Amino acid sequence: MRATFDIPDDLIQDVVEITGARTKKDALRIALEEYVRSKRIEALLALPGTIDIEDVSGEMERLELEEMRGEDLSSTQGQERPHRKVRVAEHRRRYR
């Protein structure tokens, strides 16, 4: 999109120097992308406490170790073992 803006020269020069861009156009694009990115991060950081996240990393590690050792998982003993990706997907589904 083409646009014309009246931006102070010293501000443009600062943006060019800070971004290390070769052109004013690139410097403005980088600055705008970074601004949008930082605002999105701020919005995400404002979310803690609004959703519950259960840490299942320990259980996932146990499953992966059992897989590496060739051990049967308690839920599949006596049955043909499903493919690892299927087992991990089923496990993740349980903890959602």
N, C-alpha and C. Protein backbone atom coordinates (compact mmCIF):
# COMPACT_ATOMS: atom_id res chain seq x y z
N MET A 1 0.85 -1.17 0.00
CA MET A 1 0.00 0.00 0.00
C MET A 1 0.90 1.23 0.00
N ARG A 2 0.61 2.12 -0.87
CA ARG A 2 1.37 3.35 -0.94
C ARG A 2 0.66 4.39 -0.09
N ALA A 3 1.47 5.18 0.63
CA ALA A 3 0.90 6.23 1.48
C ALA A 3 1.93 7.34 1.64
N THR A 4 1.44 8.51 1.94
CA THR A 4 2.31 9.66 2.19
C THR A 4 2.08 10.12 3.62
N PHE A 5 3.18 10.25 4.36
CA PHE A 5 3.10 10.66 5.75
C PHE A 5 4.07 11.79 6.01
N ASP A 6 3.73 12.65 6.95
CA ASP A 6 4.62 13.73 7.36
C ASP A 6 5.24 13.31 8.70
N ILE A 7 6.45 12.74 8.63
CA ILE A 7 7.14 12.23 9.83
C ILE A 7 8.41 13.05 10.00
N PRO A 8 8.68 13.52 11.21
CA PRO A 8 9.89 14.32 11.45
C PRO A 8 11.16 13.59 11.00
N ASP A 9 12.06 14.32 10.35
CA ASP A 9 13.30 13.73 9.84
C ASP A 9 14.13 13.06 10.92
N ASP A 10 14.21 13.70 12.10
CA ASP A 10 15.04 13.12 13.16
C ASP A 10 14.47 11.78 13.65
N LEU A 11 13.15 11.66 13.64
CA LEU A 11 12.52 10.40 14.05
C LEU A 11 12.81 9.31 13.01
N ILE A 12 12.67 9.65 11.75
CA ILE A 12 12.98 8.68 10.68
C ILE A 12 14.44 8.25 10.78
N GLN A 13 15.34 9.20 11.00
CA GLN A 13 16.76 8.88 11.09
C GLN A 13 17.03 7.94 12.27
N ASP A 14 16.38 8.19 13.40
CA ASP A 14 16.52 7.31 14.56
C ASP A 14 16.06 5.89 14.23
N VAL A 15 14.93 5.78 13.55
CA VAL A 15 14.39 4.47 13.19
C VAL A 15 15.35 3.74 12.25
N VAL A 16 15.90 4.46 11.28
CA VAL A 16 16.86 3.86 10.34
C VAL A 16 18.08 3.35 11.10
N GLU A 17 18.60 4.15 12.02
CA GLU A 17 19.78 3.75 12.79
C GLU A 17 19.49 2.56 13.69
N ILE A 18 18.37 2.60 14.39
CA ILE A 18 18.03 1.54 15.34
C ILE A 18 17.77 0.22 14.62
N THR A 19 17.07 0.27 13.49
CA THR A 19 16.74 -0.96 12.77
C THR A 19 17.90 -1.47 11.93
N GLY A 20 18.81 -0.58 11.57
CA GLY A 20 19.92 -0.98 10.70
C GLY A 20 19.48 -1.19 9.26
N ALA A 21 18.32 -0.68 8.92
CA ALA A 21 17.79 -0.84 7.57
C ALA A 21 18.56 0.03 6.59
N ARG A 22 18.54 -0.38 5.33
CA ARG A 22 19.24 0.38 4.30
C ARG A 22 18.40 1.54 3.76
N THR A 23 17.09 1.38 3.84
CA THR A 23 16.21 2.43 3.31
C THR A 23 15.20 2.86 4.37
N LYS A 24 14.64 4.04 4.16
CA LYS A 24 13.61 4.54 5.08
C LYS A 24 12.38 3.63 5.03
N LYS A 25 12.06 3.17 3.82
CA LYS A 25 10.91 2.29 3.64
C LYS A 25 11.08 1.02 4.48
N ASP A 26 12.25 0.38 4.38
CA ASP A 26 12.50 -0.84 5.16
C ASP A 26 12.50 -0.55 6.65
N ALA A 27 13.06 0.59 7.04
CA ALA A 27 13.11 0.96 8.45
C ALA A 27 11.70 1.12 9.02
N LEU A 28 10.83 1.78 8.28
CA LEU A 28 9.45 1.97 8.75
C LEU A 28 8.70 0.64 8.81
N ARG A 29 8.93 -0.22 7.81
CA ARG A 29 8.27 -1.53 7.82
C ARG A 29 8.72 -2.34 9.04
N ILE A 30 10.01 -2.37 9.31
CA ILE A 30 10.55 -3.10 10.46
C ILE A 30 9.99 -2.53 11.76
N ALA A 31 9.99 -1.20 11.87
CA ALA A 31 9.49 -0.57 13.10
C ALA A 31 8.01 -0.89 13.32
N LEU A 32 7.22 -0.85 12.27
CA LEU A 32 5.79 -1.16 12.41
C LEU A 32 5.57 -2.63 12.76
N GLU A 33 6.34 -3.52 12.14
CA GLU A 33 6.21 -4.95 12.46
C GLU A 33 6.57 -5.21 13.92
N GLU A 34 7.63 -4.58 14.39
CA GLU A 34 8.05 -4.76 15.79
C GLU A 34 7.02 -4.18 16.76
N TYR A 35 6.42 -3.07 16.39
CA TYR A 35 5.39 -2.47 17.24
C TYR A 35 4.19 -3.41 17.37
N VAL A 36 3.74 -3.93 16.24
CA VAL A 36 2.60 -4.86 16.26
C VAL A 36 2.95 -6.10 17.07
N ARG A 37 4.15 -6.63 16.86
CA ARG A 37 4.60 -7.81 17.61
C ARG A 37 4.61 -7.54 19.11
N SER A 38 5.14 -6.38 19.52
CA SER A 38 5.22 -6.07 20.95
C SER A 38 3.82 -5.91 21.56
N LYS A 39 2.89 -5.34 20.82
CA LYS A 39 1.52 -5.20 21.32
C LYS A 39 0.85 -6.56 21.46
N ARG A 40 1.12 -7.47 20.53
CA ARG A 40 0.56 -8.82 20.64
C ARG A 40 1.14 -9.55 21.85
N ILE A 41 2.42 -9.37 22.09
CA ILE A 41 3.05 -9.99 23.26
C ILE A 41 2.46 -9.42 24.54
N GLU A 42 2.26 -8.11 24.59
CA GLU A 42 1.63 -7.49 25.76
C GLU A 42 0.26 -8.09 26.02
N ALA A 43 -0.51 -8.30 24.96
CA ALA A 43 -1.85 -8.88 25.10
C ALA A 43 -1.76 -10.30 25.64
N LEU A 44 -0.79 -11.07 25.18
CA LEU A 44 -0.62 -12.44 25.68
C LEU A 44 -0.19 -12.45 27.13
N LEU A 45 0.70 -11.53 27.49
CA LEU A 45 1.17 -11.47 28.87
C LEU A 45 0.08 -11.04 29.83
N ALA A 46 -0.92 -10.37 29.33
CA ALA A 46 -2.04 -9.95 30.18
C ALA A 46 -2.98 -11.11 30.48
N LEU A 47 -2.79 -12.26 29.82
CA LEU A 47 -3.67 -13.41 29.98
C LEU A 47 -3.41 -14.28 31.20
N PRO A 48 -2.21 -14.35 31.78
CA PRO A 48 -2.00 -15.29 32.89
C PRO A 48 -3.08 -15.18 33.95
N GLY A 49 -3.50 -16.34 34.39
CA GLY A 49 -4.56 -16.38 35.39
C GLY A 49 -5.94 -16.51 34.77
N THR A 50 -6.03 -16.33 33.47
CA THR A 50 -7.34 -16.42 32.84
C THR A 50 -7.58 -17.80 32.24
N ILE A 51 -6.52 -18.61 32.09
CA ILE A 51 -6.69 -19.98 31.60
C ILE A 51 -5.88 -20.92 32.47
N ASP A 52 -6.35 -22.15 32.61
CA ASP A 52 -5.63 -23.16 33.38
C ASP A 52 -4.82 -24.02 32.43
N ILE A 53 -3.55 -24.18 32.74
CA ILE A 53 -2.67 -25.02 31.94
C ILE A 53 -2.08 -26.07 32.88
N GLU A 54 -2.31 -27.33 32.55
CA GLU A 54 -1.78 -28.41 33.36
C GLU A 54 -0.45 -28.86 32.79
N ASP A 55 0.56 -28.95 33.62
CA ASP A 55 1.89 -29.38 33.19
C ASP A 55 1.93 -30.90 33.16
N VAL A 56 2.00 -31.47 31.97
CA VAL A 56 2.07 -32.92 31.82
C VAL A 56 3.44 -33.36 31.30
N SER A 57 4.42 -32.47 31.41
CA SER A 57 5.74 -32.79 30.86
C SER A 57 6.36 -34.00 31.54
N GLY A 58 6.15 -34.15 32.85
CA GLY A 58 6.69 -35.32 33.55
C GLY A 58 6.09 -36.61 33.05
N GLU A 59 4.79 -36.62 32.86
CA GLU A 59 4.10 -37.81 32.35
C GLU A 59 4.54 -38.11 30.92
N MET A 60 4.70 -37.08 30.10
CA MET A 60 5.16 -37.27 28.73
C MET A 60 6.57 -37.83 28.72
N GLU A 61 7.42 -37.34 29.60
CA GLU A 61 8.79 -37.85 29.69
C GLU A 61 8.77 -39.33 30.08
N ARG A 62 7.91 -39.69 31.04
CA ARG A 62 7.81 -41.08 31.47
C ARG A 62 7.39 -41.97 30.29
N LEU A 63 6.41 -41.52 29.52
CA LEU A 63 5.96 -42.28 28.36
C LEU A 63 7.06 -42.45 27.33
N GLU A 64 7.81 -41.38 27.09
CA GLU A 64 8.90 -41.46 26.12
C GLU A 64 10.00 -42.40 26.60
N LEU A 65 10.32 -42.37 27.91
CA LEU A 65 11.32 -43.28 28.45
C LEU A 65 10.86 -44.73 28.33
N GLU A 66 9.59 -44.99 28.63
CA GLU A 66 9.05 -46.34 28.48
C GLU A 66 9.15 -46.79 27.04
N GLU A 67 8.87 -45.89 26.12
CA GLU A 67 8.96 -46.22 24.70
C GLU A 67 10.40 -46.56 24.33
N MET A 68 11.35 -45.75 24.79
CA MET A 68 12.76 -45.99 24.47
C MET A 68 13.25 -47.31 25.05
N ARG A 69 12.76 -47.67 26.22
CA ARG A 69 13.17 -48.92 26.88
C ARG A 69 12.41 -50.13 26.33
N GLY A 70 11.38 -49.87 25.56
CA GLY A 70 10.58 -50.96 25.02
C GLY A 70 9.59 -51.51 26.02
N GLU A 71 9.31 -50.77 27.08
CA GLU A 71 8.37 -51.22 28.10
C GLU A 71 6.95 -51.03 27.61
N ASP A 72 6.06 -51.91 28.10
CA ASP A 72 4.64 -51.76 27.79
C ASP A 72 4.06 -50.68 28.67
N LEU A 73 3.19 -49.88 28.11
CA LEU A 73 2.47 -48.90 28.90
C LEU A 73 1.32 -49.61 29.59
N SER A 74 0.99 -49.22 30.79
CA SER A 74 -0.05 -49.91 31.56
C SER A 74 -1.37 -49.98 30.81
N SER A 75 -1.68 -48.99 30.02
CA SER A 75 -2.97 -48.99 29.32
C SER A 75 -2.99 -49.92 28.12
N THR A 76 -1.81 -50.43 27.68
CA THR A 76 -1.78 -51.27 26.48
C THR A 76 -1.23 -52.65 26.77
N GLN A 77 -1.05 -53.04 28.03
CA GLN A 77 -0.50 -54.36 28.34
C GLN A 77 -1.44 -55.44 27.85
N GLY A 78 -0.85 -56.47 27.24
CA GLY A 78 -1.65 -57.58 26.74
C GLY A 78 -2.27 -57.29 25.39
N GLN A 79 -2.04 -56.13 24.85
CA GLN A 79 -2.59 -55.78 23.54
C GLN A 79 -1.44 -55.43 22.62
N GLU A 80 -1.71 -55.43 21.33
CA GLU A 80 -0.70 -54.96 20.40
C GLU A 80 -0.53 -53.46 20.62
N ARG A 81 0.72 -53.03 20.69
CA ARG A 81 0.99 -51.62 20.99
C ARG A 81 0.73 -50.76 19.77
N PRO A 82 -0.04 -49.69 19.94
CA PRO A 82 -0.26 -48.77 18.82
C PRO A 82 1.02 -47.99 18.53
N HIS A 83 1.07 -47.40 17.37
CA HIS A 83 2.22 -46.58 16.99
C HIS A 83 2.44 -45.48 18.03
N ARG A 84 3.70 -45.12 18.26
CA ARG A 84 4.05 -44.14 19.30
C ARG A 84 3.28 -42.84 19.14
N LYS A 85 3.16 -42.34 17.90
CA LYS A 85 2.46 -41.07 17.69
C LYS A 85 1.01 -41.17 18.12
N VAL A 86 0.41 -42.32 17.89
CA VAL A 86 -0.98 -42.52 18.30
C VAL A 86 -1.08 -42.50 19.81
N ARG A 87 -0.14 -43.19 20.49
CA ARG A 87 -0.16 -43.24 21.95
C ARG A 87 0.02 -41.85 22.55
N VAL A 88 0.98 -41.09 22.01
CA VAL A 88 1.23 -39.74 22.53
C VAL A 88 0.01 -38.86 22.29
N ALA A 89 -0.59 -38.96 21.11
CA ALA A 89 -1.78 -38.16 20.81
C ALA A 89 -2.92 -38.52 21.76
N GLU A 90 -3.11 -39.83 22.02
CA GLU A 90 -4.16 -40.24 22.95
C GLU A 90 -3.88 -39.72 24.36
N HIS A 91 -2.62 -39.76 24.76
CA HIS A 91 -2.25 -39.27 26.09
C HIS A 91 -2.51 -37.77 26.20
N ARG A 92 -2.13 -37.03 25.19
CA ARG A 92 -2.35 -35.58 25.22
C ARG A 92 -3.83 -35.25 25.27
N ARG A 93 -4.64 -36.03 24.55
CA ARG A 93 -6.08 -35.80 24.54
C ARG A 93 -6.67 -35.98 25.94
N ARG A 94 -6.14 -36.95 26.70
CA ARG A 94 -6.64 -37.19 28.05
C ARG A 94 -6.40 -36.00 28.97
N TYR A 95 -5.32 -35.28 28.74
CA TYR A 95 -4.94 -34.19 29.65
C TYR A 95 -5.38 -32.82 29.16
N ARG A 96 -6.22 -32.75 28.19
CA ARG A 96 -6.72 -31.45 27.72
C ARG A 96 -7.80 -30.94 28.61
